Amino acid sequence: MRGRTPRRGRWSVVAAAALTLAGTLTACSSSPESTSSDAEQTIRFVWWGNEDRAEVTEKAVALFEKKYPNIKVKAEFSGYPAYVQKLTTQIAGGAAPDLLQLDRPTFGEYQQKHQLANLKPYLGKSLKTDKIPASLLAGGKADDGQYAMPAGLTTELVVYDKELFAKAGVTVPESGWTWKQFATDMVKVKNKTGRAGISDFGWSVDLFETWLHQRDKALYASSSKLGFTADDLTEYWNMLGSLRKKKAVTEAEVTTKSDGSVQNSPLVAKESASESSYDSGVTSYVSSYQGGTLELAPLPSDNASASGMPALPPVYYGVSQRSSHKEAAALLLNFLVNDPEASAVLGTTRGTPPNSDNKDAVCAKATGPDKQTCDFQTKMADRLMPSDSWFWPSGSAALKSDFQRVFDQVIFGETSVSAGAAKVVENAEQGLK
């Protein structure tokens, strides 16, 4: 069906997992006694990500096992959609891992379904927080408890091919683009290089959320209310539609394959000259992109005081409420976020380290894409927005998948922009009830 299957197949899995979360997890929330961290034991740790993240995570786990020889770690990773489906099935079946990686949608779902352990008993003891900024810790708080810890610090950006932009005569403004300047430059890139100026990002609810924050709005006004209207989404999608008509963004057949991974990146596939993403993915972009030099730029904004670029944890770590190895899982969690040697190994694969001392140490020695990420965050430090209002409640996983599904319908002409926007809002409001 004109190339639409790749993303629809992936994200229909995530939507199904969200329904499973909503319907089956509440009954499985009892908390067994935790084995002492001094005992011989094996714990399970699961995460998703690209190969570069997997490689360094496994090295960090090996360092942990060396430091705590009585604790063996069974580590598992996969791509995001498969991860969500498998994890949801395991939790619903009472076979949850001990330590798990989360993002905002899955954190909201699992926490509100009582599947995450409150980490407060470990804070200041086996789990140190004194070197982690309060703004990062806030993302893992809910109901007066700490249910997850930040794995790093990331923000959104544009990754672009330096040579192609130069060929088109495009220079990133020192203060960043306005949206009008950005549109003009993306058309220039297309006309001068033959590649789309940027990968179409209309499928990404994350980028829509950024655009909303630039207008003093949010994706969610509260855990039970949306922060945007169908008119907002119509305006946003129409803006991208005008670029699509000029071929300044990727064509529908290319865009539909995008899912946020480097493996399915139009930029890496040489279909576009730039792409919006998170800086936690810079190492993957640089290692995967052939035949050009990649540079980093801020997202466009018409509001000098609101970049829309959040200071967010790219992912979180949480401990399963049903784990019988909570103490050991908390030790591993603490090691991943606070141990200097672990931070040096992990680099910027989950953003810069959450521990401020470790971040300084990693960035001081950084080279290549790690240095690019550190330098970008330093340059943008005064423009990054606090992430308190970036919380995604239960139901947001379904919005993420629905947003992409409806956008596919829009770009393939199966529905109008206004009708599609109205459907997204209607479905999202239903998901919050």
Protein backbone atom coordinates (compact mmCIF):
# COMPACT_ATOMS: atom_id res chain seq x y z
CA MET A 1 0.00 0.00 0.00
CA ARG A 2 2.38 2.66 -1.30
CA GLY A 3 5.00 2.03 1.37
CA ARG A 4 2.72 2.69 4.33
CA THR A 5 3.08 -0.66 6.03
CA PRO A 6 6.45 -0.12 7.73
CA ARG A 7 5.40 2.51 10.24
CA ARG A 8 1.79 1.46 10.58
CA GLY A 9 2.90 -2.07 11.37
CA ARG A 10 5.31 -0.93 14.04
CA TRP A 11 3.03 1.56 15.73
CA SER A 12 -0.11 -0.58 15.62
CA VAL A 13 1.89 -2.85 17.93
CA VAL A 14 2.46 0.05 20.32
CA ALA A 15 -1.20 0.99 20.24
CA ALA A 16 -2.20 -2.59 21.03
CA ALA A 17 0.25 -2.63 23.91
CA ALA A 18 -1.27 0.58 25.24
CA LEU A 19 -4.69 -1.09 25.26
CA THR A 20 -3.23 -4.03 27.15
CA LEU A 21 -1.77 -1.60 29.68
CA ALA A 22 -5.11 0.06 30.12
CA GLY A 23 -7.05 -3.15 30.49
CA THR A 24 -4.98 -5.73 32.32
CA LEU A 25 -2.20 -4.33 34.47
CA THR A 26 -4.07 -2.94 37.43
CA ALA A 27 -4.76 -6.37 38.86
CA CYS A 28 -1.08 -7.31 38.93
CA SER A 29 0.29 -4.69 41.29
CA SER A 30 1.15 -6.54 44.49
CA SER A 31 4.68 -6.11 45.84
CA PRO A 32 6.67 -9.18 46.91
CA GLU A 33 9.41 -9.02 49.55
CA SER A 34 12.77 -7.92 48.18
CA THR A 35 15.84 -10.13 48.38
CA SER A 36 18.77 -8.49 50.18
CA SER A 37 21.28 -6.96 47.77
CA ASP A 38 24.01 -8.95 49.55
CA ALA A 39 22.56 -12.28 48.43
CA GLU A 40 23.61 -14.24 45.36
CA GLN A 41 20.99 -13.43 42.72
CA THR A 42 20.23 -12.73 39.08
CA ILE A 43 18.25 -9.67 38.00
CA ARG A 44 16.76 -8.77 34.63
CA PHE A 45 17.38 -5.39 32.99
CA VAL A 46 15.63 -4.47 29.74
CA TRP A 47 15.95 -1.47 27.41
CA TRP A 48 15.47 -0.43 23.79
CA GLY A 49 17.80 1.45 21.46
CA ASN A 50 20.23 1.30 18.58
CA GLU A 51 23.32 -0.92 18.42
CA ASP A 52 25.62 1.78 19.77
CA ARG A 53 23.48 2.09 22.92
CA ALA A 54 23.35 -1.68 23.30
CA GLU A 55 27.13 -2.08 23.03
CA VAL A 56 28.00 0.50 25.70
CA THR A 57 25.15 -0.57 28.00
CA GLU A 58 26.44 -4.12 28.01
CA LYS A 59 29.92 -2.82 28.88
CA ALA A 60 28.47 -0.79 31.77
CA VAL A 61 26.59 -3.85 33.02
CA ALA A 62 29.83 -5.85 32.96
CA LEU A 63 31.45 -3.18 35.12
CA PHE A 64 28.56 -3.43 37.58
CA GLU A 65 28.90 -7.22 37.80
CA LYS A 66 32.60 -6.79 38.52
CA LYS A 67 31.84 -4.36 41.35
CA TYR A 68 28.99 -6.51 42.71
CA PRO A 69 30.05 -10.11 41.94
CA ASN A 70 27.07 -11.56 43.83
CA ILE A 71 24.62 -9.95 41.38
CA LYS A 72 24.34 -11.28 37.85
CA VAL A 73 22.45 -9.22 35.29
CA LYS A 74 20.46 -10.72 32.45
CA ALA A 75 20.30 -7.87 29.94
CA GLU A 76 17.86 -7.70 27.02
CA PHE A 77 17.31 -5.02 24.38
CA SER A 78 15.27 -4.52 21.21
CA GLY A 79 13.69 -1.84 19.04
CA TYR A 80 11.05 0.32 20.70
CA PRO A 81 7.74 -1.12 19.39
CA ALA A 82 8.82 -4.73 20.01
CA TYR A 83 10.10 -3.67 23.43
CA VAL A 84 6.76 -2.15 24.47
CA GLN A 85 4.77 -5.17 23.27
CA LYS A 86 7.03 -7.70 24.99
CA LEU A 87 7.31 -5.73 28.22
CA THR A 88 3.56 -5.17 28.47
CA THR A 89 2.93 -8.88 27.92
CA GLN A 90 5.50 -9.82 30.56
CA ILE A 91 4.07 -7.43 33.14
CA ALA A 92 0.52 -8.56 32.48
CA GLY A 93 1.68 -12.16 32.90
CA GLY A 94 3.49 -11.49 36.18
CA ALA A 95 6.97 -11.87 34.66
CA ALA A 96 8.17 -8.26 34.76
CA PRO A 97 11.91 -7.51 34.60
CA ASP A 98 13.52 -5.99 37.67
CA LEU A 99 14.93 -2.84 36.06
CA LEU A 100 13.35 -1.36 32.96
CA GLN A 101 13.91 1.56 30.64
CA LEU A 102 10.97 3.94 30.21
CA ASP A 103 9.98 6.96 28.17
CA ARG A 104 7.29 9.51 28.94
CA PRO A 105 4.34 7.53 27.53
CA THR A 106 5.35 4.24 29.16
CA PHE A 107 6.23 5.97 32.45
CA GLY A 108 2.77 7.53 32.57
CA GLU A 109 1.07 4.23 31.76
CA TYR A 110 3.05 2.03 34.17
CA GLN A 111 3.08 4.48 37.06
CA GLN A 112 -0.63 5.13 36.92
CA LYS A 113 -1.30 1.39 36.68
CA HIS A 114 0.84 0.85 39.83
CA GLN A 115 3.53 -1.17 38.07
CA LEU A 116 6.53 0.88 39.23
CA ALA A 117 8.08 0.76 42.69
CA ASN A 118 8.32 3.99 44.66
CA LEU A 119 12.07 4.63 44.93
CA LYS A 120 11.80 6.95 47.93
CA PRO A 121 13.05 4.30 50.41
CA TYR A 122 16.33 4.09 48.48
CA LEU A 123 16.95 7.82 47.94
CA GLY A 124 20.03 9.10 49.75
CA LYS A 125 21.00 5.52 50.57
CA SER A 126 21.70 3.06 47.76
CA LEU A 127 20.28 5.55 45.26
CA LYS A 128 22.05 8.92 45.27
CA THR A 129 20.41 12.06 43.89
CA ASP A 130 22.56 14.92 45.23
CA LYS A 131 24.37 15.42 41.90
CA ILE A 132 21.28 15.10 39.70
CA PRO A 133 19.46 18.36 38.91
CA ALA A 134 15.99 18.68 40.43
CA SER A 135 14.63 19.55 36.97
CA LEU A 136 15.63 16.09 35.72
CA LEU A 137 14.39 14.26 38.82
CA ALA A 138 11.01 15.98 38.44
CA GLY A 139 10.21 13.92 35.34
CA GLY A 140 10.17 10.72 37.42
CA LYS A 141 7.98 12.09 40.20
CA ALA A 142 4.28 11.34 40.62
CA ASP A 143 1.84 11.16 43.53
CA ASP A 144 4.46 12.51 45.97
CA GLY A 145 6.82 9.67 45.11
CA GLN A 146 9.90 9.10 42.93
CA TYR A 147 8.99 6.31 40.52
CA ALA A 148 11.79 6.65 37.98
CA MET A 149 15.27 8.12 37.62
CA PRO A 150 16.59 10.07 34.61
CA ALA A 151 19.08 8.20 32.44
CA GLY A 152 20.49 11.44 31.05
CA LEU A 153 19.74 14.88 29.65
CA THR A 154 18.64 15.46 26.09
CA THR A 155 16.92 18.06 23.98
CA GLU A 156 15.54 18.33 20.47
CA LEU A 157 17.47 19.67 17.50
CA VAL A 158 18.02 19.56 13.76
CA VAL A 159 20.77 17.29 12.41
CA TYR A 160 21.92 18.50 8.99
CA ASP A 161 24.43 17.74 6.24
CA LYS A 162 26.95 20.58 6.40
CA GLU A 163 28.09 20.26 2.77
CA LEU A 164 24.57 20.13 1.31
CA PHE A 165 23.47 23.20 3.26
CA ALA A 166 26.59 25.04 2.07
CA LYS A 167 25.89 24.02 -1.53
CA ALA A 168 22.42 25.53 -1.17
CA GLY A 169 23.84 28.71 0.35
CA VAL A 170 22.06 28.04 3.64
CA THR A 171 23.63 29.18 6.90
CA VAL A 172 21.96 28.51 10.23
CA PRO A 173 21.24 31.91 11.86
CA GLU A 174 23.24 32.49 15.03
CA SER A 175 20.02 32.94 17.02
CA GLY A 176 18.28 30.11 15.18
CA TRP A 177 15.64 30.14 12.45
CA THR A 178 12.19 31.63 12.59
CA TRP A 179 9.68 29.26 11.05
CA LYS A 180 9.45 31.49 7.95
CA GLN A 181 13.24 31.54 7.54
CA PHE A 182 13.34 27.79 8.06
CA ALA A 183 10.73 27.17 5.36
CA THR A 184 12.60 29.39 2.90
CA ASP A 185 15.89 27.61 3.58
CA MET A 186 14.41 24.13 3.23
CA VAL A 187 13.06 25.09 -0.22
CA LYS A 188 16.53 26.38 -1.15
CA VAL A 189 18.11 23.08 -0.14
CA LYS A 190 15.64 21.11 -2.25
CA ASN A 191 16.11 23.33 -5.29
CA LYS A 192 19.92 23.35 -5.11
CA THR A 193 20.66 19.75 -4.05
CA GLY A 194 17.70 17.68 -5.21
CA ARG A 195 17.17 16.34 -1.70
CA ALA A 196 14.27 17.34 0.51
CA GLY A 197 15.41 20.07 2.88
CA ILE A 198 14.28 18.07 5.91
CA SER A 199 12.55 14.79 6.69
CA ASP A 200 8.84 15.47 7.16
CA PHE A 201 8.25 15.55 10.93
CA GLY A 202 4.48 15.89 10.89
CA TRP A 203 4.20 12.32 12.20
CA SER A 204 6.09 13.19 15.41
CA VAL A 205 3.92 14.24 18.32
CA ASP A 206 7.15 15.24 20.10
CA LEU A 207 7.83 17.98 17.54
CA PHE A 208 4.20 19.11 17.65
CA GLU A 209 4.60 19.41 21.41
CA THR A 210 7.65 21.64 20.88
CA TRP A 211 5.66 23.86 18.52
CA LEU A 212 2.90 24.12 21.14
CA HIS A 213 5.32 25.17 23.88
CA GLN A 214 6.61 27.93 21.64
CA ARG A 215 3.04 29.26 21.79
CA ASP A 216 2.68 28.91 25.55
CA LYS A 217 0.60 25.75 25.16
CA ALA A 218 1.27 22.07 25.92
CA LEU A 219 0.26 18.63 24.76
CA TYR A 220 -1.51 18.03 28.08
CA ALA A 221 -2.96 20.72 30.33
CA SER A 222 -3.32 18.12 33.09
CA SER A 223 -3.46 14.35 33.50
CA SER A 224 -7.10 14.46 32.38
CA LYS A 225 -7.17 17.29 29.84
CA LEU A 226 -5.50 18.03 26.50
CA GLY A 227 -3.58 21.26 26.13
CA PHE A 228 -4.26 21.75 22.41
CA THR A 229 -7.22 21.93 20.03
CA ALA A 230 -7.97 20.57 16.58
CA ASP A 231 -7.34 24.08 15.23
CA ASP A 232 -3.81 24.01 16.65
CA LEU A 233 -3.03 20.72 14.96
CA THR A 234 -4.66 21.84 11.71
CA GLU A 235 -2.41 24.93 11.63
CA TYR A 236 0.67 22.81 12.33
CA TRP A 237 -0.06 20.19 9.69
CA ASN A 238 -0.99 22.87 7.14
CA MET A 239 2.40 24.52 7.70
CA LEU A 240 4.10 21.24 6.80
CA GLY A 241 1.66 20.70 3.94
CA SER A 242 2.84 23.91 2.29
CA LEU A 243 6.43 22.62 2.47
CA ARG A 244 5.35 19.26 1.08
CA LYS A 245 3.83 20.96 -1.97
CA LYS A 246 7.23 22.53 -2.65
CA LYS A 247 8.95 19.18 -2.03
CA ALA A 248 10.96 20.79 0.75
CA VAL A 249 10.09 17.86 3.05
CA THR A 250 10.19 14.18 2.18
CA GLU A 251 7.45 12.62 0.08
CA ALA A 252 4.73 10.50 1.68
CA GLU A 253 6.22 7.19 0.54
CA VAL A 254 9.46 8.07 2.33
CA THR A 255 7.93 9.75 5.38
CA THR A 256 5.70 6.80 6.22
CA LYS A 257 8.78 4.66 6.95
CA SER A 258 10.03 7.09 9.61
CA ASP A 259 9.68 5.90 13.19
CA GLY A 260 12.34 7.89 14.99
CA SER A 261 15.04 5.25 14.61
CA VAL A 262 18.28 5.80 12.71
CA GLN A 263 17.67 2.54 10.84
CA ASN A 264 14.59 4.09 9.21
CA SER A 265 15.93 7.62 8.90
CA PRO A 266 15.32 9.44 5.59
CA LEU A 267 18.44 11.50 6.31
CA VAL A 268 20.61 8.40 6.63
CA ALA A 269 18.96 6.99 3.49
CA LYS A 270 19.96 10.21 1.63
CA GLU A 271 16.34 11.19 1.02
CA SER A 272 16.73 14.46 2.94
CA ALA A 273 19.47 16.88 3.91
CA SER A 274 18.39 17.25 7.54
CA GLU A 275 16.21 15.73 10.22
CA SER A 276 14.67 16.71 13.55
CA SER A 277 15.61 14.44 16.44
CA TYR A 278 16.96 14.32 19.99
CA ASP A 279 20.63 14.90 20.73
CA SER A 280 20.77 11.49 22.44
CA GLY A 281 20.74 10.07 18.90
CA VAL A 282 23.66 12.07 17.53
CA THR A 283 26.18 9.23 17.97
CA SER A 284 23.94 6.90 15.97
CA TYR A 285 23.44 9.45 13.19
CA VAL A 286 27.15 10.15 12.85
CA SER A 287 28.11 6.47 12.84
CA SER A 288 25.39 5.60 10.28
CA TYR A 289 25.62 8.55 7.89
CA GLN A 290 27.95 8.05 4.94
CA GLY A 291 29.42 10.61 2.55
CA GLY A 292 28.92 13.83 4.48
CA THR A 293 29.52 15.76 7.69
CA LEU A 294 26.65 16.19 10.12
CA GLU A 295 26.19 19.34 12.20
CA LEU A 296 23.61 20.34 14.82
CA ALA A 297 21.20 23.27 14.90
CA PRO A 298 18.37 24.44 17.17
CA LEU A 299 14.74 23.98 16.19
CA PRO A 300 13.00 26.95 14.55
CA SER A 301 10.98 29.26 16.78
CA ASP A 302 9.16 32.56 16.39
CA ASN A 303 9.40 33.20 20.12
CA ALA A 304 12.79 34.42 21.36
CA SER A 305 11.88 33.54 24.95
CA ALA A 306 10.43 30.09 24.19
CA SER A 307 12.57 27.78 22.06
CA GLY A 308 10.25 24.83 22.70
CA MET A 309 13.40 22.77 23.27
CA PRO A 310 13.05 20.97 26.61
CA ALA A 311 15.73 19.83 29.02
CA LEU A 312 14.40 16.28 29.22
CA PRO A 313 15.62 12.87 30.26
CA PRO A 314 15.72 10.96 26.96
CA VAL A 315 14.64 7.89 28.92
CA TYR A 316 14.17 6.88 32.53
CA TYR A 317 14.97 3.82 34.62
CA GLY A 318 12.31 2.30 36.83
CA VAL A 319 12.08 -0.72 39.13
CA SER A 320 9.16 -3.09 38.79
CA GLN A 321 6.68 -3.05 41.66
CA ARG A 322 6.53 -6.85 41.41
CA SER A 323 10.30 -7.35 41.50
CA SER A 324 11.62 -9.55 44.31
CA HIS A 325 15.07 -7.99 43.74
CA LYS A 326 14.31 -4.30 44.28
CA GLU A 327 17.44 -3.62 46.34
CA ALA A 328 19.74 -5.11 43.70
CA ALA A 329 17.83 -3.33 40.92
CA ALA A 330 18.23 -0.03 42.78
CA LEU A 331 21.98 -0.69 43.03
CA LEU A 332 22.21 -1.22 39.27
CA LEU A 333 20.11 1.87 38.65
CA ASN A 334 22.37 3.95 40.89
CA PHE A 335 25.46 2.55 39.15
CA LEU A 336 24.15 3.49 35.70
CA VAL A 337 23.31 7.08 36.64
CA ASN A 338 26.02 7.90 39.19
CA ASP A 339 29.13 5.76 38.70
CA PRO A 340 31.90 7.78 36.95
CA GLU A 341 33.28 4.76 35.10
CA ALA A 342 29.84 3.73 33.88
CA SER A 343 29.13 7.28 32.69
CA ALA A 344 32.42 7.35 30.79
CA VAL A 345 31.46 4.14 28.99
CA LEU A 346 27.86 5.16 28.26
CA GLY A 347 28.94 8.55 26.89
CA THR A 348 25.99 10.41 25.34
CA THR A 349 24.00 7.40 24.08
CA ARG A 350 21.18 8.39 26.45
CA GLY A 351 22.00 12.08 26.35
CA THR A 352 24.65 13.60 28.58
CA PRO A 353 25.00 11.93 32.01
CA PRO A 354 22.36 12.96 34.60
CA ASN A 355 24.99 13.27 37.34
CA SER A 356 26.44 16.78 36.95
CA ASP A 357 29.99 15.79 38.00
CA ASN A 358 29.99 12.89 35.56
CA LYS A 359 28.60 15.10 32.80
CA ASP A 360 31.45 17.56 33.28
CA ALA A 361 33.99 14.74 33.22
CA VAL A 362 32.51 13.07 30.13
CA CYS A 363 32.21 16.35 28.23
CA ALA A 364 35.75 17.43 29.17
CA LYS A 365 37.18 14.33 27.44
CA ALA A 366 34.56 14.01 24.70
CA THR A 367 35.50 13.66 21.05
CA GLY A 368 33.49 13.17 17.86
CA PRO A 369 29.69 13.00 18.23
CA ASP A 370 29.91 12.98 22.04
CA LYS A 371 31.69 16.34 21.86
CA GLN A 372 29.11 17.64 19.37
CA THR A 373 26.34 16.76 21.81
CA CYS A 374 28.10 18.32 24.79
CA ASP A 375 28.95 21.48 22.86
CA PHE A 376 25.39 21.82 21.58
CA GLN A 377 23.91 21.51 25.06
CA THR A 378 26.38 24.09 26.39
CA LYS A 379 25.52 26.52 23.60
CA MET A 380 21.78 26.02 24.09
CA ALA A 381 21.81 25.94 27.90
CA ASP A 382 20.09 29.31 28.32
CA ARG A 383 17.42 28.42 25.77
CA LEU A 384 16.39 25.02 27.11
CA MET A 385 12.98 25.07 28.75
CA PRO A 386 12.12 23.35 32.07
CA SER A 387 10.44 20.01 31.46
CA ASP A 388 7.81 20.03 34.23
CA SER A 389 4.98 20.60 31.74
CA TRP A 390 6.21 17.88 29.36
CA PHE A 391 4.58 15.12 31.45
CA TRP A 392 2.59 12.54 29.47
CA PRO A 393 -0.18 10.82 31.46
CA SER A 394 -1.83 7.43 31.02
CA GLY A 395 -3.32 7.29 27.52
CA SER A 396 -0.42 9.13 25.88
CA ALA A 397 1.06 5.98 24.33
CA ALA A 398 -2.15 5.62 22.34
CA LEU A 399 -1.98 9.28 21.28
CA LYS A 400 1.57 8.80 20.00
CA SER A 401 0.55 5.92 17.73
CA ASP A 402 -2.76 7.51 16.69
CA PHE A 403 -0.98 10.76 15.77
CA GLN A 404 1.25 8.88 13.35
CA ARG A 405 -1.53 6.74 11.93
CA VAL A 406 -3.76 9.73 11.15
CA PHE A 407 -0.84 11.72 9.71
CA ASP A 408 -0.26 8.88 7.27
CA GLN A 409 -3.88 9.18 6.19
CA VAL A 410 -3.41 12.93 5.70
CA ILE A 411 -0.25 12.74 3.59
CA PHE A 412 -1.68 9.97 1.40
CA GLY A 413 -4.85 12.01 0.78
CA GLU A 414 -7.16 9.62 2.61
CA THR A 415 -8.48 12.36 4.88
CA SER A 416 -8.28 16.14 5.05
CA VAL A 417 -6.02 17.96 7.48
CA SER A 418 -8.93 19.38 9.46
CA ALA A 419 -10.76 16.04 9.65
CA GLY A 420 -7.58 14.26 10.65
CA ALA A 421 -6.81 16.81 13.35
CA ALA A 422 -10.35 16.52 14.71
CA LYS A 423 -10.02 12.72 14.83
CA VAL A 424 -6.69 12.91 16.74
CA VAL A 425 -8.25 15.23 19.34
CA GLU A 426 -11.39 13.11 19.65
CA ASN A 427 -9.40 9.90 20.15
CA ALA A 428 -6.95 11.56 22.56
CA GLU A 429 -9.79 12.91 24.71
CA GLN A 430 -11.33 9.45 24.81
CA GLY A 431 -8.00 8.00 25.92
CA LEU A 432 -7.91 10.29 28.95
CA LYS A 433 -11.33 9.22 30.24
